[in-house]
Amino acid sequence: MNPASVSTSSLAATVSTSLAEPSTSTDGHRRMFRRHRVRRHQTWLRRQGYVPFTAEAEDFAEFARRWAPYGGASGEETFLRFGMNTSRFSERLWQLVGEGQISNETAEQFADAYPAPPEWRNGNPRDESVSAVPVADNGSR
């Protein structure tokens, strides 16, 4: 066996292994920095009052907007898409509006097709200027 061929093949194996697997310390530091940056940005957004728009909210809003001109989706269509009946879909849709996942402007687009629950009929419960549940004043103080 030729010593030159052994060292060349072992050298080639070492080089190919080092090229295929980047240094874990550098790669790990990059990953940690990215995660830190994303977390810091998400914290800042939360402090600013921003609620991220989830994929579920996007699907619900888009589906409701698409079917609103026709008076809302049929029970069959709602069940096929989301696995729930129309009343449950409407309930979840307004729950997402209440959580801030769907804007009030978007909700106005489908309000006629998907009736708001009773607690929303006096205004958005999220809106502090409007009382969602009227409080009866019985005169006792």
C-alpha atoms as a PDB file:
ATOM      1  CA  MET A   1       0.000   0.000   0.000  1.00  0.00           C
ATOM      2  CA  ASN A   2       1.342   3.349  -0.997  1.00  0.00           C
ATOM      3  CA  PRO A   3       1.632   5.807   1.954  1.00  0.00           C
ATOM      4  CA  ALA A   4       0.929   8.747  -0.334  1.00  0.00           C
ATOM      5  CA  SER A   5      -2.424   7.279  -1.423  1.00  0.00           C
ATOM      6  CA  VAL A   6      -3.462   6.604   2.185  1.00  0.00           C
ATOM      7  CA  SER A   7      -2.749  10.122   3.319  1.00  0.00           C
ATOM      8  CA  THR A   8      -4.433  11.594   0.233  1.00  0.00           C
ATOM      9  CA  SER A   9      -7.622   9.552   0.725  1.00  0.00           C
ATOM     10  CA  SER A  10      -7.763  10.284   4.457  1.00  0.00           C
ATOM     11  CA  LEU A  11      -7.128  13.957   3.735  1.00  0.00           C
ATOM     12  CA  ALA A  12      -9.917  13.960   1.136  1.00  0.00           C
ATOM     13  CA  ALA A  13     -12.294  12.305   3.630  1.00  0.00           C
ATOM     14  CA  THR A  14     -11.426  14.893   6.274  1.00  0.00           C
ATOM     15  CA  VAL A  15     -11.939  17.793   3.878  1.00  0.00           C
ATOM     16  CA  SER A  16     -15.266  16.456   2.556  1.00  0.00           C
ATOM     17  CA  THR A  17     -16.523  15.883   6.113  1.00  0.00           C
ATOM     18  CA  SER A  18     -15.534  19.359   7.232  1.00  0.00           C
ATOM     19  CA  LEU A  19     -17.200  20.932   4.186  1.00  0.00           C
ATOM     20  CA  ALA A  20     -20.426  18.967   4.643  1.00  0.00           C
ATOM     21  CA  GLU A  21     -20.768  19.844   8.347  1.00  0.00           C
ATOM     22  CA  PRO A  22     -20.145  23.507   9.146  1.00  0.00           C
ATOM     23  CA  SER A  23     -18.688  24.438  12.461  1.00  0.00           C
ATOM     24  CA  THR A  24     -21.382  23.865  15.071  1.00  0.00           C
ATOM     25  CA  SER A  25     -20.182  26.725  17.230  1.00  0.00           C
ATOM     26  CA  THR A  26     -20.560  29.345  14.494  1.00  0.00           C
ATOM     27  CA  ASP A  27     -23.803  27.877  13.213  1.00  0.00           C
ATOM     28  CA  GLY A  28     -25.159  27.561  16.747  1.00  0.00           C
ATOM     29  CA  HIS A  29     -24.314  31.176  17.530  1.00  0.00           C
ATOM     30  CA  ARG A  30     -26.108  32.362  14.391  1.00  0.00           C
ATOM     31  CA  ARG A  31     -29.185  30.343  15.295  1.00  0.00           C
ATOM     32  CA  MET A  32     -29.173  31.652  18.875  1.00  0.00           C
ATOM     33  CA  PHE A  33     -28.833  35.245  17.673  1.00  0.00           C
ATOM     34  CA  ARG A  34     -31.724  34.854  15.213  1.00  0.00           C
ATOM     35  CA  ARG A  35     -33.961  33.344  17.879  1.00  0.00           C
ATOM     36  CA  HIS A  36     -33.053  36.140  20.288  1.00  0.00           C
ATOM     37  CA  ARG A  37     -33.770  38.782  17.649  1.00  0.00           C
ATOM     38  CA  VAL A  38     -37.158  37.243  16.775  1.00  0.00           C
ATOM     39  CA  ARG A  39     -38.148  36.962  20.456  1.00  0.00           C
ATOM     40  CA  ARG A  40     -37.089  40.554  21.111  1.00  0.00           C
ATOM     41  CA  HIS A  41     -39.126  41.762  18.124  1.00  0.00           C
ATOM     42  CA  GLN A  42     -42.196  39.748  19.215  1.00  0.00           C
ATOM     43  CA  THR A  43     -41.933  41.201  22.730  1.00  0.00           C
ATOM     44  CA  TRP A  44     -41.737  44.713  21.311  1.00  0.00           C
ATOM     45  CA  LEU A  45     -44.802  44.071  19.119  1.00  0.00           C
ATOM     46  CA  ARG A  46     -46.780  42.751  22.108  1.00  0.00           C
ATOM     47  CA  ARG A  47     -45.889  45.845  24.135  1.00  0.00           C
ATOM     48  CA  GLN A  48     -47.110  48.021  21.258  1.00  0.00           C
ATOM     49  CA  GLY A  49     -50.468  46.242  21.408  1.00  0.00           C
ATOM     50  CA  TYR A  50     -50.024  44.314  18.176  1.00  0.00           C
ATOM     51  CA  VAL A  51     -51.621  40.881  18.100  1.00  0.00           C
ATOM     52  CA  PRO A  52     -50.136  38.703  15.364  1.00  0.00           C
ATOM     53  CA  PHE A  53     -52.513  37.591  12.629  1.00  0.00           C
ATOM     54  CA  THR A  54     -52.654  33.805  12.837  1.00  0.00           C
ATOM     55  CA  ALA A  55     -53.204  31.471   9.912  1.00  0.00           C
ATOM     56  CA  GLU A  56     -56.482  30.359  11.483  1.00  0.00           C
ATOM     57  CA  ALA A  57     -57.759  33.938  11.680  1.00  0.00           C
ATOM     58  CA  GLU A  58     -56.667  34.580   8.114  1.00  0.00           C
ATOM     59  CA  ASP A  59     -58.523  31.467   6.894  1.00  0.00           C
ATOM     60  CA  PHE A  60     -61.687  32.348   8.808  1.00  0.00           C
ATOM     61  CA  ALA A  61     -61.715  35.987   7.656  1.00  0.00           C
ATOM     62  CA  GLU A  62     -61.010  35.146   4.034  1.00  0.00           C
ATOM     63  CA  PHE A  63     -63.701  32.439   3.972  1.00  0.00           C
ATOM     64  CA  ALA A  64     -66.257  34.726   5.626  1.00  0.00           C
ATOM     65  CA  ARG A  65     -65.478  37.630   3.261  1.00  0.00           C
ATOM     66  CA  ARG A  66     -65.731  35.366   0.219  1.00  0.00           C
ATOM     67  CA  TRP A  67     -69.162  34.032   1.205  1.00  0.00           C
ATOM     68  CA  ALA A  68     -70.612  37.253   2.716  1.00  0.00           C
ATOM     69  CA  PRO A  69     -72.129  38.574  -0.563  1.00  0.00           C
ATOM     70  CA  TYR A  70     -74.144  35.340  -0.819  1.00  0.00           C
ATOM     71  CA  GLY A  71     -75.542  35.515   2.706  1.00  0.00           C
ATOM     72  CA  GLY A  72     -72.839  33.294   4.197  1.00  0.00           C
ATOM     73  CA  ALA A  73     -71.596  29.821   3.419  1.00  0.00           C
ATOM     74  CA  SER A  74     -73.826  26.781   3.550  1.00  0.00           C
ATOM     75  CA  GLY A  75     -73.532  24.397   6.457  1.00  0.00           C
ATOM     76  CA  GLU A  76     -72.033  21.793   4.153  1.00  0.00           C
ATOM     77  CA  GLU A  77     -69.360  24.158   2.848  1.00  0.00           C
ATOM     78  CA  THR A  78     -68.466  25.281   6.383  1.00  0.00           C
ATOM     79  CA  PHE A  79     -68.280  21.695   7.600  1.00  0.00           C
ATOM     80  CA  LEU A  80     -66.088  20.596   4.684  1.00  0.00           C
ATOM     81  CA  ARG A  81     -63.647  23.473   5.178  1.00  0.00           C
ATOM     82  CA  PHE A  82     -63.491  23.776   8.987  1.00  0.00           C
ATOM     83  CA  GLY A  83     -65.225  20.681  10.386  1.00  0.00           C
ATOM     84  CA  MET A  84     -67.878  22.669  12.249  1.00  0.00           C
ATOM     85  CA  ASN A  85     -71.457  23.746  11.728  1.00  0.00           C
ATOM     86  CA  THR A  86     -72.355  27.286  10.686  1.00  0.00           C
ATOM     87  CA  SER A  87     -73.303  28.490  14.158  1.00  0.00           C
ATOM     88  CA  ARG A  88     -70.002  27.257  15.622  1.00  0.00           C
ATOM     89  CA  PHE A  89     -68.138  28.853  12.709  1.00  0.00           C
ATOM     90  CA  SER A  90     -69.878  32.172  13.378  1.00  0.00           C
ATOM     91  CA  GLU A  91     -69.100  31.899  17.092  1.00  0.00           C
ATOM     92  CA  ARG A  92     -65.404  31.217  16.441  1.00  0.00           C
ATOM     93  CA  LEU A  93     -65.263  33.986  13.841  1.00  0.00           C
ATOM     94  CA  TRP A  94     -66.508  36.564  16.330  1.00  0.00           C
ATOM     95  CA  GLN A  95     -64.238  35.149  19.011  1.00  0.00           C
ATOM     96  CA  LEU A  96     -61.273  35.867  16.715  1.00  0.00           C
ATOM     97  CA  VAL A  97     -62.572  39.416  16.225  1.00  0.00           C
ATOM     98  CA  GLY A  98     -62.808  39.798  20.003  1.00  0.00           C
ATOM     99  CA  GLU A  99     -59.238  38.580  20.445  1.00  0.00           C
ATOM    100  CA  GLY A 100     -58.010  41.155  17.951  1.00  0.00           C
ATOM    101  CA  GLN A 101     -57.010  38.559  15.380  1.00  0.00           C
ATOM    102  CA  ILE A 102     -59.500  40.015  12.887  1.00  0.00           C
ATOM    103  CA  SER A 103     -59.979  43.780  12.628  1.00  0.00           C
ATOM    104  CA  ASN A 104     -63.313  45.492  13.186  1.00  0.00           C
ATOM    105  CA  GLU A 105     -63.172  46.866   9.632  1.00  0.00           C
ATOM    106  CA  THR A 106     -62.939  43.332   8.268  1.00  0.00           C
ATOM    107  CA  ALA A 107     -65.715  42.195  10.608  1.00  0.00           C
ATOM    108  CA  GLU A 108     -68.028  44.840   9.161  1.00  0.00           C
ATOM    109  CA  GLN A 109     -67.673  43.156   5.767  1.00  0.00           C
ATOM    110  CA  PHE A 110     -69.226  39.904   6.989  1.00  0.00           C
ATOM    111  CA  ALA A 111     -71.432  41.137   9.854  1.00  0.00           C
ATOM    112  CA  ASP A 112     -74.670  40.781   7.863  1.00  0.00           C
ATOM    113  CA  ALA A 113     -73.927  37.229   6.714  1.00  0.00           C
ATOM    114  CA  TYR A 114     -72.676  35.961  10.066  1.00  0.00           C
ATOM    115  CA  PRO A 115     -74.707  37.484  12.906  1.00  0.00           C
ATOM    116  CA  ALA A 116     -72.773  38.664  15.923  1.00  0.00           C
ATOM    117  CA  PRO A 117     -73.405  36.971  19.262  1.00  0.00           C
ATOM    118  CA  PRO A 118     -75.703  38.829  21.707  1.00  0.00           C
ATOM    119  CA  GLU A 119     -72.812  40.334  23.707  1.00  0.00           C
ATOM    120  CA  TRP A 120     -71.594  42.062  20.508  1.00  0.00           C
ATOM    121  CA  ARG A 121     -74.904  43.687  19.630  1.00  0.00           C
ATOM    122  CA  ASN A 122     -74.206  46.571  22.051  1.00  0.00           C
ATOM    123  CA  GLY A 123     -70.702  47.068  20.690  1.00  0.00           C
ATOM    124  CA  ASN A 124     -67.353  45.339  20.580  1.00  0.00           C
ATOM    125  CA  PRO A 125     -66.541  43.873  24.014  1.00  0.00           C
ATOM    126  CA  ARG A 126     -62.909  44.668  23.271  1.00  0.00           C
ATOM    127  CA  ASP A 127     -63.783  48.365  22.944  1.00  0.00           C
ATOM    128  CA  GLU A 128     -63.563  49.890  26.426  1.00  0.00           C
ATOM    129  CA  SER A 129     -65.616  52.945  25.475  1.00  0.00           C
ATOM    130  CA  VAL A 130     -68.717  50.809  24.829  1.00  0.00           C
ATOM    131  CA  SER A 131     -70.197  48.605  27.509  1.00  0.00           C
ATOM    132  CA  ALA A 132     -70.816  45.134  26.079  1.00  0.00           C
ATOM    133  CA  VAL A 133     -73.172  44.144  28.879  1.00  0.00           C
ATOM    134  CA  PRO A 134     -75.536  46.822  30.164  1.00  0.00           C
ATOM    135  CA  VAL A 135     -75.353  47.184  33.907  1.00  0.00           C
ATOM    136  CA  ALA A 136     -78.690  47.766  35.626  1.00  0.00           C
ATOM    137  CA  ASP A 137     -78.592  50.436  38.256  1.00  0.00           C
ATOM    138  CA  ASN A 138     -80.874  49.211  41.028  1.00  0.00           C
ATOM    139  CA  GLY A 139     -80.336  52.310  43.143  1.00  0.00           C
ATOM    140  CA  SER A 140     -78.420  50.574  45.956  1.00  0.00           C
ATOM    141  CA  ARG A 141     -75.193  52.269  46.884  1.00  0.00           C
END
